[in-house]
Amino acid sequence: MPTVLRVKGYRFIIFTNDHIPPHIHVQHAEGAAKVELDPIRIVEYYQLNRRQLNEIVLIIEENREFLLLKWQEFQGD
Protein backbone atom coordinates (compact mmCIF):
# COMPACT_ATOMS: atom_id res chain seq x y z
CA MET A 1 0.00 0.00 0.00
CA PRO A 2 2.13 2.84 -1.29
CA THR A 3 1.90 6.28 0.26
CA VAL A 4 1.67 8.70 -2.66
CA LEU A 5 1.31 11.98 -0.75
CA ARG A 6 1.79 13.39 2.75
CA VAL A 7 0.28 16.75 3.65
CA LYS A 8 -0.51 18.33 7.05
CA GLY A 9 -0.30 15.04 8.92
CA TYR A 10 -2.47 13.19 6.39
CA ARG A 11 -1.13 10.15 4.57
CA PHE A 12 -2.71 9.47 1.14
CA ILE A 13 -2.52 5.81 0.14
CA ILE A 14 -3.47 3.78 -2.93
CA PHE A 15 -3.80 0.05 -2.41
CA THR A 16 -2.36 -1.99 -5.26
CA ASN A 17 -4.86 -4.13 -7.17
CA ASP A 18 -7.76 -2.16 -5.68
CA HIS A 19 -11.24 -1.85 -7.17
CA ILE A 20 -12.80 0.94 -9.19
CA PRO A 21 -13.91 3.71 -9.05
CA PRO A 22 -10.61 5.51 -8.49
CA HIS A 23 -10.27 6.42 -4.82
CA ILE A 24 -7.71 7.24 -2.16
CA HIS A 25 -7.37 6.07 1.42
CA VAL A 26 -6.40 8.79 3.89
CA GLN A 27 -4.87 8.06 7.27
CA HIS A 28 -4.34 10.50 10.11
CA ALA A 29 -3.33 10.03 13.73
CA GLU A 30 -6.96 10.58 14.73
CA GLY A 31 -8.79 8.54 12.09
CA ALA A 32 -9.15 7.60 8.45
CA ALA A 33 -11.23 8.19 5.34
CA LYS A 34 -11.86 6.78 1.89
CA VAL A 35 -12.48 9.34 -0.86
CA GLU A 36 -13.45 8.81 -4.50
CA LEU A 37 -11.44 10.92 -6.93
CA ASP A 38 -13.83 11.44 -9.86
CA PRO A 39 -15.93 13.14 -8.71
CA ILE A 40 -14.40 13.88 -5.32
CA ARG A 41 -16.69 12.32 -2.73
CA ILE A 42 -16.11 11.08 0.81
CA VAL A 43 -17.26 7.46 0.82
CA GLU A 44 -16.55 6.61 4.44
CA TYR A 45 -14.66 7.99 7.41
CA TYR A 46 -13.76 7.07 10.95
CA GLN A 47 -13.09 9.43 13.87
CA LEU A 48 -12.47 12.54 11.76
CA ASN A 49 -14.41 15.76 12.29
CA ARG A 50 -16.00 18.00 9.66
CA ARG A 51 -13.02 20.40 9.62
CA GLN A 52 -10.63 17.52 8.93
CA LEU A 53 -12.87 16.12 6.20
CA ASN A 54 -13.07 19.55 4.54
CA GLU A 55 -9.28 19.84 4.75
CA ILE A 56 -8.88 16.41 3.12
CA VAL A 57 -11.21 17.40 0.28
CA LEU A 58 -9.25 20.64 -0.31
CA ILE A 59 -5.95 18.73 -0.41
CA ILE A 60 -7.42 16.23 -2.88
CA GLU A 61 -8.80 19.05 -5.04
CA GLU A 62 -5.33 20.64 -5.17
CA ASN A 63 -3.67 17.30 -6.03
CA ARG A 64 -6.44 15.53 -7.97
CA GLU A 65 -4.59 15.16 -11.29
CA PHE A 66 -1.51 13.77 -9.54
CA LEU A 67 -3.61 11.33 -7.51
CA LEU A 68 -5.48 10.13 -10.61
CA LEU A 69 -2.17 9.58 -12.40
CA LYS A 70 -0.89 7.57 -9.44
CA TRP A 71 -4.15 5.56 -9.37
CA GLN A 72 -3.65 4.68 -13.06
CA GLU A 73 0.00 3.84 -12.43
CA PHE A 74 -0.82 1.37 -9.64
CA GLN A 75 -4.01 -0.07 -11.17
CA GLY A 76 -2.77 -0.30 -14.75
CA ASP A 77 -5.61 1.77 -16.22
PDB file of N, CA and C in Angstrom:
ATOM      1  N   MET A   1       0.825  -1.171   0.000  1.00  0.00           N
ATOM      2  CA  MET A   1       0.000   0.000   0.000  1.00  0.00           C
ATOM      3  C   MET A   1       0.874   1.242   0.000  1.00  0.00           C
ATOM      4  N   PRO A   2       1.222   1.707  -1.160  1.00  0.00           N
ATOM      5  CA  PRO A   2       2.134   2.844  -1.291  1.00  0.00           C
ATOM      6  C   PRO A   2       1.503   4.170  -0.842  1.00  0.00           C
ATOM      7  N   THR A   3       2.279   4.916  -0.084  1.00  0.00           N
ATOM      8  CA  THR A   3       1.904   6.280   0.257  1.00  0.00           C
ATOM      9  C   THR A   3       2.320   7.154  -0.916  1.00  0.00           C
ATOM     10  N   VAL A   4       1.373   7.887  -1.483  1.00  0.00           N
ATOM     11  CA  VAL A   4       1.674   8.704  -2.655  1.00  0.00           C
ATOM     12  C   VAL A   4       1.762  10.193  -2.328  1.00  0.00           C
ATOM     13  N   LEU A   5       1.290  10.572  -1.123  1.00  0.00           N
ATOM     14  CA  LEU A   5       1.306  11.983  -0.750  1.00  0.00           C
ATOM     15  C   LEU A   5       1.192  12.095   0.767  1.00  0.00           C
ATOM     16  N   ARG A   6       1.913  13.055   1.325  1.00  0.00           N
ATOM     17  CA  ARG A   6       1.795  13.388   2.753  1.00  0.00           C
ATOM     18  C   ARG A   6       1.642  14.897   2.851  1.00  0.00           C
ATOM     19  N   VAL A   7       0.551  15.328   3.493  1.00  0.00           N
ATOM     20  CA  VAL A   7       0.281  16.753   3.654  1.00  0.00           C
ATOM     21  C   VAL A   7      -0.394  16.967   5.005  1.00  0.00           C
ATOM     22  N   LYS A   8       0.118  17.912   5.798  1.00  0.00           N
ATOM     23  CA  LYS A   8      -0.509  18.327   7.054  1.00  0.00           C
ATOM     24  C   LYS A   8      -0.879  17.166   7.979  1.00  0.00           C
ATOM     25  N   GLY A   9      -0.036  16.172   8.047  1.00  0.00           N
ATOM     26  CA  GLY A   9      -0.299  15.037   8.923  1.00  0.00           C
ATOM     27  C   GLY A   9      -1.203  13.976   8.323  1.00  0.00           C
ATOM     28  N   TYR A  10      -1.645  14.174   7.074  1.00  0.00           N
ATOM     29  CA  TYR A  10      -2.473  13.186   6.385  1.00  0.00           C
ATOM     30  C   TYR A  10      -1.586  12.358   5.463  1.00  0.00           C
ATOM     31  N   ARG A  11      -1.860  11.087   5.428  1.00  0.00           N
ATOM     32  CA  ARG A  11      -1.129  10.153   4.569  1.00  0.00           C
ATOM     33  C   ARG A  11      -2.113   9.634   3.527  1.00  0.00           C
ATOM     34  N   PHE A  12      -1.827   9.856   2.243  1.00  0.00           N
ATOM     35  CA  PHE A  12      -2.708   9.466   1.145  1.00  0.00           C
ATOM     36  C   PHE A  12      -2.142   8.198   0.506  1.00  0.00           C
ATOM     37  N   ILE A  13      -2.966   7.154   0.504  1.00  0.00           N
ATOM     38  CA  ILE A  13      -2.518   5.811   0.141  1.00  0.00           C
ATOM     39  C   ILE A  13      -3.388   5.253  -0.981  1.00  0.00           C
ATOM     40  N   ILE A  14      -2.744   4.547  -1.899  1.00  0.00           N
ATOM     41  CA  ILE A  14      -3.467   3.780  -2.926  1.00  0.00           C
ATOM     42  C   ILE A  14      -3.078   2.322  -2.741  1.00  0.00           C
ATOM     43  N   PHE A  15      -4.061   1.485  -2.516  1.00  0.00           N
ATOM     44  CA  PHE A  15      -3.801   0.052  -2.413  1.00  0.00           C
ATOM     45  C   PHE A  15      -3.591  -0.518  -3.814  1.00  0.00           C
ATOM     46  N   THR A  16      -2.579  -1.355  -3.972  1.00  0.00           N
ATOM     47  CA  THR A  16      -2.358  -1.991  -5.261  1.00  0.00           C
ATOM     48  C   THR A  16      -3.466  -3.014  -5.509  1.00  0.00           C
ATOM     49  N   ASN A  17      -3.809  -3.199  -6.760  1.00  0.00           N
ATOM     50  CA  ASN A  17      -4.861  -4.128  -7.174  1.00  0.00           C
ATOM     51  C   ASN A  17      -6.191  -3.837  -6.478  1.00  0.00           C
ATOM     52  N   ASP A  18      -6.508  -2.563  -6.318  1.00  0.00           N
ATOM     53  CA  ASP A  18      -7.756  -2.157  -5.683  1.00  0.00           C
ATOM     54  C   ASP A  18      -8.866  -2.076  -6.727  1.00  0.00           C
ATOM     55  N   HIS A  19     -10.063  -1.858  -6.297  1.00  0.00           N
ATOM     56  CA  HIS A  19     -11.236  -1.849  -7.172  1.00  0.00           C
ATOM     57  C   HIS A  19     -11.557  -0.430  -7.655  1.00  0.00           C
ATOM     58  N   ILE A  20     -12.331  -0.351  -8.724  1.00  0.00           N
ATOM     59  CA  ILE A  20     -12.804   0.941  -9.191  1.00  0.00           C
ATOM     60  C   ILE A  20     -14.071   1.305  -8.436  1.00  0.00           C
ATOM     61  N   PRO A  21     -14.483   2.533  -8.390  1.00  0.00           N
ATOM     62  CA  PRO A  21     -13.915   3.706  -9.048  1.00  0.00           C
ATOM     63  C   PRO A  21     -12.616   4.166  -8.366  1.00  0.00           C
ATOM     64  N   PRO A  22     -11.847   5.003  -9.073  1.00  0.00           N
ATOM     65  CA  PRO A  22     -10.606   5.512  -8.492  1.00  0.00           C
ATOM     66  C   PRO A  22     -10.878   6.200  -7.152  1.00  0.00           C
ATOM     67  N   HIS A  23     -10.093   5.842  -6.144  1.00  0.00           N
ATOM     68  CA  HIS A  23     -10.265   6.416  -4.815  1.00  0.00           C
ATOM     69  C   HIS A  23      -8.937   6.397  -4.070  1.00  0.00           C
ATOM     70  N   ILE A  24      -8.914   7.134  -2.977  1.00  0.00           N
ATOM     71  CA  ILE A  24      -7.709   7.237  -2.159  1.00  0.00           C
ATOM     72  C   ILE A  24      -8.089   6.938  -0.713  1.00  0.00           C
ATOM     73  N   HIS A  25      -7.188   6.303  -0.011  1.00  0.00           N
ATOM     74  CA  HIS A  25      -7.370   6.072   1.419  1.00  0.00           C
ATOM     75  C   HIS A  25      -6.520   7.112   2.143  1.00  0.00           C
ATOM     76  N   VAL A  26      -7.097   7.743   3.151  1.00  0.00           N
ATOM     77  CA  VAL A  26      -6.402   8.791   3.888  1.00  0.00           C
ATOM     78  C   VAL A  26      -6.296   8.367   5.346  1.00  0.00           C
ATOM     79  N   GLN A  27      -5.079   8.397   5.858  1.00  0.00           N
ATOM     80  CA  GLN A  27      -4.869   8.061   7.266  1.00  0.00           C
ATOM     81  C   GLN A  27      -4.341   9.284   8.004  1.00  0.00           C
ATOM     82  N   HIS A  28      -4.763   9.416   9.233  1.00  0.00           N
ATOM     83  CA  HIS A  28      -4.344  10.504  10.109  1.00  0.00           C
ATOM     84  C   HIS A  28      -4.225   9.912  11.506  1.00  0.00           C
ATOM     85  N   ALA A  29      -3.494  10.553  12.371  1.00  0.00           N
ATOM     86  CA  ALA A  29      -3.326  10.032  13.730  1.00  0.00           C
ATOM     87  C   ALA A  29      -4.667   9.831  14.426  1.00  0.00           C
ATOM     88  N   GLU A  30      -5.661  10.623  14.063  1.00  0.00           N
ATOM     89  CA  GLU A  30      -6.958  10.579  14.734  1.00  0.00           C
ATOM     90  C   GLU A  30      -7.997   9.704  14.041  1.00  0.00           C
ATOM     91  N   GLY A  31      -7.775   9.323  12.792  1.00  0.00           N
ATOM     92  CA  GLY A  31      -8.786   8.543  12.090  1.00  0.00           C
ATOM     93  C   GLY A  31      -8.396   8.283  10.649  1.00  0.00           C
ATOM     94  N   ALA A  32      -9.404   7.954   9.837  1.00  0.00           N
ATOM     95  CA  ALA A  32      -9.147   7.595   8.446  1.00  0.00           C
ATOM     96  C   ALA A  32     -10.364   7.912   7.594  1.00  0.00           C
ATOM     97  N   ALA A  33     -10.145   7.950   6.274  1.00  0.00           N
ATOM     98  CA  ALA A  33     -11.234   8.187   5.336  1.00  0.00           C
ATOM     99  C   ALA A  33     -10.925   7.500   4.016  1.00  0.00           C
ATOM    100  N   LYS A  34     -11.974   7.285   3.255  1.00  0.00           N
ATOM    101  CA  LYS A  34     -11.856   6.780   1.894  1.00  0.00           C
ATOM    102  C   LYS A  34     -12.597   7.782   1.020  1.00  0.00           C
ATOM    103  N   VAL A  35     -11.916   8.270  -0.036  1.00  0.00           N
ATOM    104  CA  VAL A  35     -12.477   9.339  -0.859  1.00  0.00           C
ATOM    105  C   VAL A  35     -12.353   8.968  -2.334  1.00  0.00           C
ATOM    106  N   GLU A  36     -13.477   9.014  -3.054  1.00  0.00           N
ATOM    107  CA  GLU A  36     -13.452   8.815  -4.503  1.00  0.00           C
ATOM    108  C   GLU A  36     -12.843  10.054  -5.145  1.00  0.00           C
ATOM    109  N   LEU A  37     -12.166   9.837  -6.276  1.00  0.00           N
ATOM    110  CA  LEU A  37     -11.441  10.924  -6.928  1.00  0.00           C
ATOM    111  C   LEU A  37     -12.186  11.566  -8.092  1.00  0.00           C
ATOM    112  N   ASP A  38     -13.157  10.891  -8.673  1.00  0.00           N
ATOM    113  CA  ASP A  38     -13.832  11.439  -9.857  1.00  0.00           C
ATOM    114  C   ASP A  38     -15.290  11.025  -9.905  1.00  0.00           C
ATOM    115  N   PRO A  39     -16.176  11.863  -9.368  1.00  0.00           N
ATOM    116  CA  PRO A  39     -15.927  13.144  -8.707  1.00  0.00           C
ATOM    117  C   PRO A  39     -15.440  12.926  -7.279  1.00  0.00           C
ATOM    118  N   ILE A  40     -14.904  13.972  -6.687  1.00  0.00           N
ATOM    119  CA  ILE A  40     -14.403  13.877  -5.320  1.00  0.00           C
ATOM    120  C   ILE A  40     -15.601  13.729  -4.386  1.00  0.00           C
ATOM    121  N   ARG A  41     -15.578  12.622  -3.623  1.00  0.00           N
ATOM    122  CA  ARG A  41     -16.693  12.323  -2.726  1.00  0.00           C
ATOM    123  C   ARG A  41     -16.194  11.455  -1.582  1.00  0.00           C
ATOM    124  N   ILE A  42     -16.469  11.880  -0.361  1.00  0.00           N
ATOM    125  CA  ILE A  42     -16.106  11.082   0.807  1.00  0.00           C
ATOM    126  C   ILE A  42     -17.048   9.883   0.864  1.00  0.00           C
ATOM    127  N   VAL A  43     -16.477   8.694   0.827  1.00  0.00           N
ATOM    128  CA  VAL A  43     -17.262   7.460   0.820  1.00  0.00           C
ATOM    129  C   VAL A  43     -17.489   6.970   2.249  1.00  0.00           C
ATOM    130  N   GLU A  44     -16.434   7.020   3.044  1.00  0.00           N
ATOM    131  CA  GLU A  44     -16.549   6.613   4.441  1.00  0.00           C
ATOM    132  C   GLU A  44     -15.449   7.294   5.234  1.00  0.00           C
ATOM    133  N   TYR A  45     -15.680   7.404   6.537  1.00  0.00           N
ATOM    134  CA  TYR A  45     -14.662   7.985   7.405  1.00  0.00           C
ATOM    135  C   TYR A  45     -14.844   7.457   8.815  1.00  0.00           C
ATOM    136  N   TYR A  46     -13.780   7.585   9.597  1.00  0.00           N
ATOM    137  CA  TYR A  46     -13.764   7.072  10.951  1.00  0.00           C
ATOM    138  C   TYR A  46     -13.016   8.055  11.846  1.00  0.00           C
ATOM    139  N   GLN A  47     -13.658   8.570  12.847  1.00  0.00           N
ATOM    140  CA  GLN A  47     -13.092   9.434  13.873  1.00  0.00           C
ATOM    141  C   GLN A  47     -12.426  10.698  13.348  1.00  0.00           C
ATOM    142  N   LEU A  48     -12.923  11.250  12.249  1.00  0.00           N
ATOM    143  CA  LEU A  48     -12.469  12.541  11.758  1.00  0.00           C
ATOM    144  C   LEU A  48     -13.634  13.517  11.859  1.00  0.00           C
ATOM    145  N   ASN A  49     -13.335  14.781  12.178  1.00  0.00           N
ATOM    146  CA  ASN A  49     -14.406  15.762  12.287  1.00  0.00           C
ATOM    147  C   ASN A  49     -14.616  16.486  10.952  1.00  0.00           C
ATOM    148  N   ARG A  50     -15.635  17.308  10.902  1.00  0.00           N
ATOM    149  CA  ARG A  50     -16.003  18.003   9.657  1.00  0.00           C
ATOM    150  C   ARG A  50     -14.857  18.876   9.145  1.00  0.00           C
ATOM    151  N   ARG A  51     -14.138  19.562  10.045  1.00  0.00           N
ATOM    152  CA  ARG A  51     -13.017  20.404   9.616  1.00  0.00           C
ATOM    153  C   ARG A  51     -11.938  19.559   8.934  1.00  0.00           C
ATOM    154  N   GLN A  52     -11.635  18.399   9.513  1.00  0.00           N
ATOM    155  CA  GLN A  52     -10.629  17.516   8.932  1.00  0.00           C
ATOM    156  C   GLN A  52     -11.084  16.981   7.580  1.00  0.00           C
ATOM    157  N   LEU A  53     -12.347  16.617   7.475  1.00  0.00           N
ATOM    158  CA  LEU A  53     -12.867  16.115   6.196  1.00  0.00           C
ATOM    159  C   LEU A  53     -12.813  17.203   5.130  1.00  0.00           C
ATOM    160  N   ASN A  54     -13.154  18.434   5.496  1.00  0.00           N
ATOM    161  CA  ASN A  54     -13.067  19.546   4.540  1.00  0.00           C
ATOM    162  C   ASN A  54     -11.622  19.776   4.112  1.00  0.00           C
ATOM    163  N   GLU A  55     -10.700  19.667   5.056  1.00  0.00           N
ATOM    164  CA  GLU A  55      -9.282  19.837   4.750  1.00  0.00           C
ATOM    165  C   GLU A  55      -8.805  18.746   3.780  1.00  0.00           C
ATOM    166  N   ILE A  56      -9.230  17.520   4.009  1.00  0.00           N
ATOM    167  CA  ILE A  56      -8.881  16.410   3.115  1.00  0.00           C
ATOM    168  C   ILE A  56      -9.396  16.682   1.706  1.00  0.00           C
ATOM    169  N   VAL A  57     -10.637  17.117   1.597  1.00  0.00           N
ATOM    170  CA  VAL A  57     -11.213  17.401   0.279  1.00  0.00           C
ATOM    171  C   VAL A  57     -10.414  18.502  -0.418  1.00  0.00           C
ATOM    172  N   LEU A  58     -10.038  19.555   0.303  1.00  0.00           N
ATOM    173  CA  LEU A  58      -9.247  20.636  -0.308  1.00  0.00           C
ATOM    174  C   LEU A  58      -7.889  20.127  -0.794  1.00  0.00           C
ATOM    175  N   ILE A  59      -7.244  19.290  -0.007  1.00  0.00           N
ATOM    176  CA  ILE A  59      -5.947  18.729  -0.406  1.00  0.00           C
ATOM    177  C   ILE A  59      -6.121  17.874  -1.657  1.00  0.00           C
ATOM    178  N   ILE A  60      -7.171  17.079  -1.697  1.00  0.00           N
ATOM    179  CA  ILE A  60      -7.415  16.235  -2.875  1.00  0.00           C
ATOM    180  C   ILE A  60      -7.723  17.096  -4.087  1.00  0.00           C
ATOM    181  N   GLU A  61      -8.514  18.147  -3.920  1.00  0.00           N
ATOM    182  CA  GLU A  61      -8.800  19.046  -5.040  1.00  0.00           C
ATOM    183  C   GLU A  61      -7.509  19.636  -5.611  1.00  0.00           C
ATOM    184  N   GLU A  62      -6.596  20.049  -4.739  1.00  0.00           N
ATOM    185  CA  GLU A  62      -5.326  20.638  -5.167  1.00  0.00           C
ATOM    186  C   GLU A  62      -4.407  19.621  -5.842  1.00  0.00           C
ATOM    187  N   ASN A  63      -4.573  18.346  -5.537  1.00  0.00           N
ATOM    188  CA  ASN A  63      -3.666  17.300  -6.034  1.00  0.00           C
ATOM    189  C   ASN A  63      -4.383  16.241  -6.867  1.00  0.00           C
ATOM    190  N   ARG A  64      -5.583  16.531  -7.315  1.00  0.00           N
ATOM    191  CA  ARG A  64      -6.436  15.535  -7.968  1.00  0.00           C
ATOM    192  C   ARG A  64      -5.771  14.898  -9.191  1.00  0.00           C
ATOM    193  N   GLU A  65      -5.217  15.703 -10.080  1.00  0.00           N
ATOM    194  CA  GLU A  65      -4.594  15.158 -11.289  1.00  0.00           C
ATOM    195  C   GLU A  65      -3.441  14.222 -10.936  1.00  0.00           C
ATOM    196  N   PHE A  66      -2.612  14.610  -9.998  1.00  0.00           N
ATOM    197  CA  PHE A  66      -1.508  13.774  -9.544  1.00  0.00           C
ATOM    198  C   PHE A  66      -2.028  12.457  -8.973  1.00  0.00           C
ATOM    199  N   LEU A  67      -3.060  12.535  -8.127  1.00  0.00           N
ATOM    200  CA  LEU A  67      -3.607  11.328  -7.506  1.00  0.00           C
ATOM    201  C   LEU A  67      -4.232  10.402  -8.540  1.00  0.00           C
ATOM    202  N   LEU A  68      -4.910  10.963  -9.540  1.00  0.00           N
ATOM    203  CA  LEU A  68      -5.480  10.129 -10.606  1.00  0.00           C
ATOM    204  C   LEU A  68      -4.379   9.456 -11.426  1.00  0.00           C
ATOM    205  N   LEU A  69      -3.299  10.188 -11.682  1.00  0.00           N
ATOM    206  CA  LEU A  69      -2.172   9.578 -12.399  1.00  0.00           C
ATOM    207  C   LEU A  69      -1.564   8.430 -11.600  1.00  0.00           C
ATOM    208  N   LYS A  70      -1.428   8.629 -10.298  1.00  0.00           N
ATOM    209  CA  LYS A  70      -0.888   7.568  -9.444  1.00  0.00           C
ATOM    210  C   LYS A  70      -1.842   6.371  -9.414  1.00  0.00           C
ATOM    211  N   TRP A  71      -3.146   6.641  -9.344  1.00  0.00           N
ATOM    212  CA  TRP A  71      -4.153   5.556  -9.370  1.00  0.00           C
ATOM    213  C   TRP A  71      -3.930   4.719 -10.634  1.00  0.00           C
ATOM    214  N   GLN A  72      -3.826   5.384 -11.793  1.00  0.00           N
ATOM    215  CA  GLN A  72      -3.648   4.682 -13.059  1.00  0.00           C
ATOM    216  C   GLN A  72      -2.333   3.905 -13.073  1.00  0.00           C
ATOM    217  N   GLU A  73      -1.300   4.495 -12.492  1.00  0.00           N
ATOM    218  CA  GLU A  73      -0.003   3.836 -12.434  1.00  0.00           C
ATOM    219  C   GLU A  73      -0.084   2.524 -11.642  1.00  0.00           C
ATOM    220  N   PHE A  74      -0.744   2.554 -10.510  1.00  0.00           N
ATOM    221  CA  PHE A  74      -0.825   1.365  -9.640  1.00  0.00           C
ATOM    222  C   PHE A  74      -1.862   0.358 -10.111  1.00  0.00           C
ATOM    223  N   GLN A  75      -2.917   0.826 -10.755  1.00  0.00           N
ATOM    224  CA  GLN A  75      -4.009  -0.069 -11.165  1.00  0.00           C
ATOM    225  C   GLN A  75      -3.869  -0.527 -12.616  1.00  0.00           C
ATOM    226  N   GLY A  76      -2.992   0.120 -13.366  1.00  0.00           N
ATOM    227  CA  GLY A  76      -2.770  -0.305 -14.746  1.00  0.00           C
ATOM    228  C   GLY A  76      -3.795   0.236 -15.730  1.00  0.00           C
ATOM    229  N   ASP A  77      -4.643   1.163 -15.289  1.00  0.00           N
ATOM    230  CA  ASP A  77      -5.608   1.771 -16.219  1.00  0.00           C
ATOM    231  C   ASP A  77      -6.172   3.022 -15.614  1.00  0.00           C
TER     232      ASP A  77
END
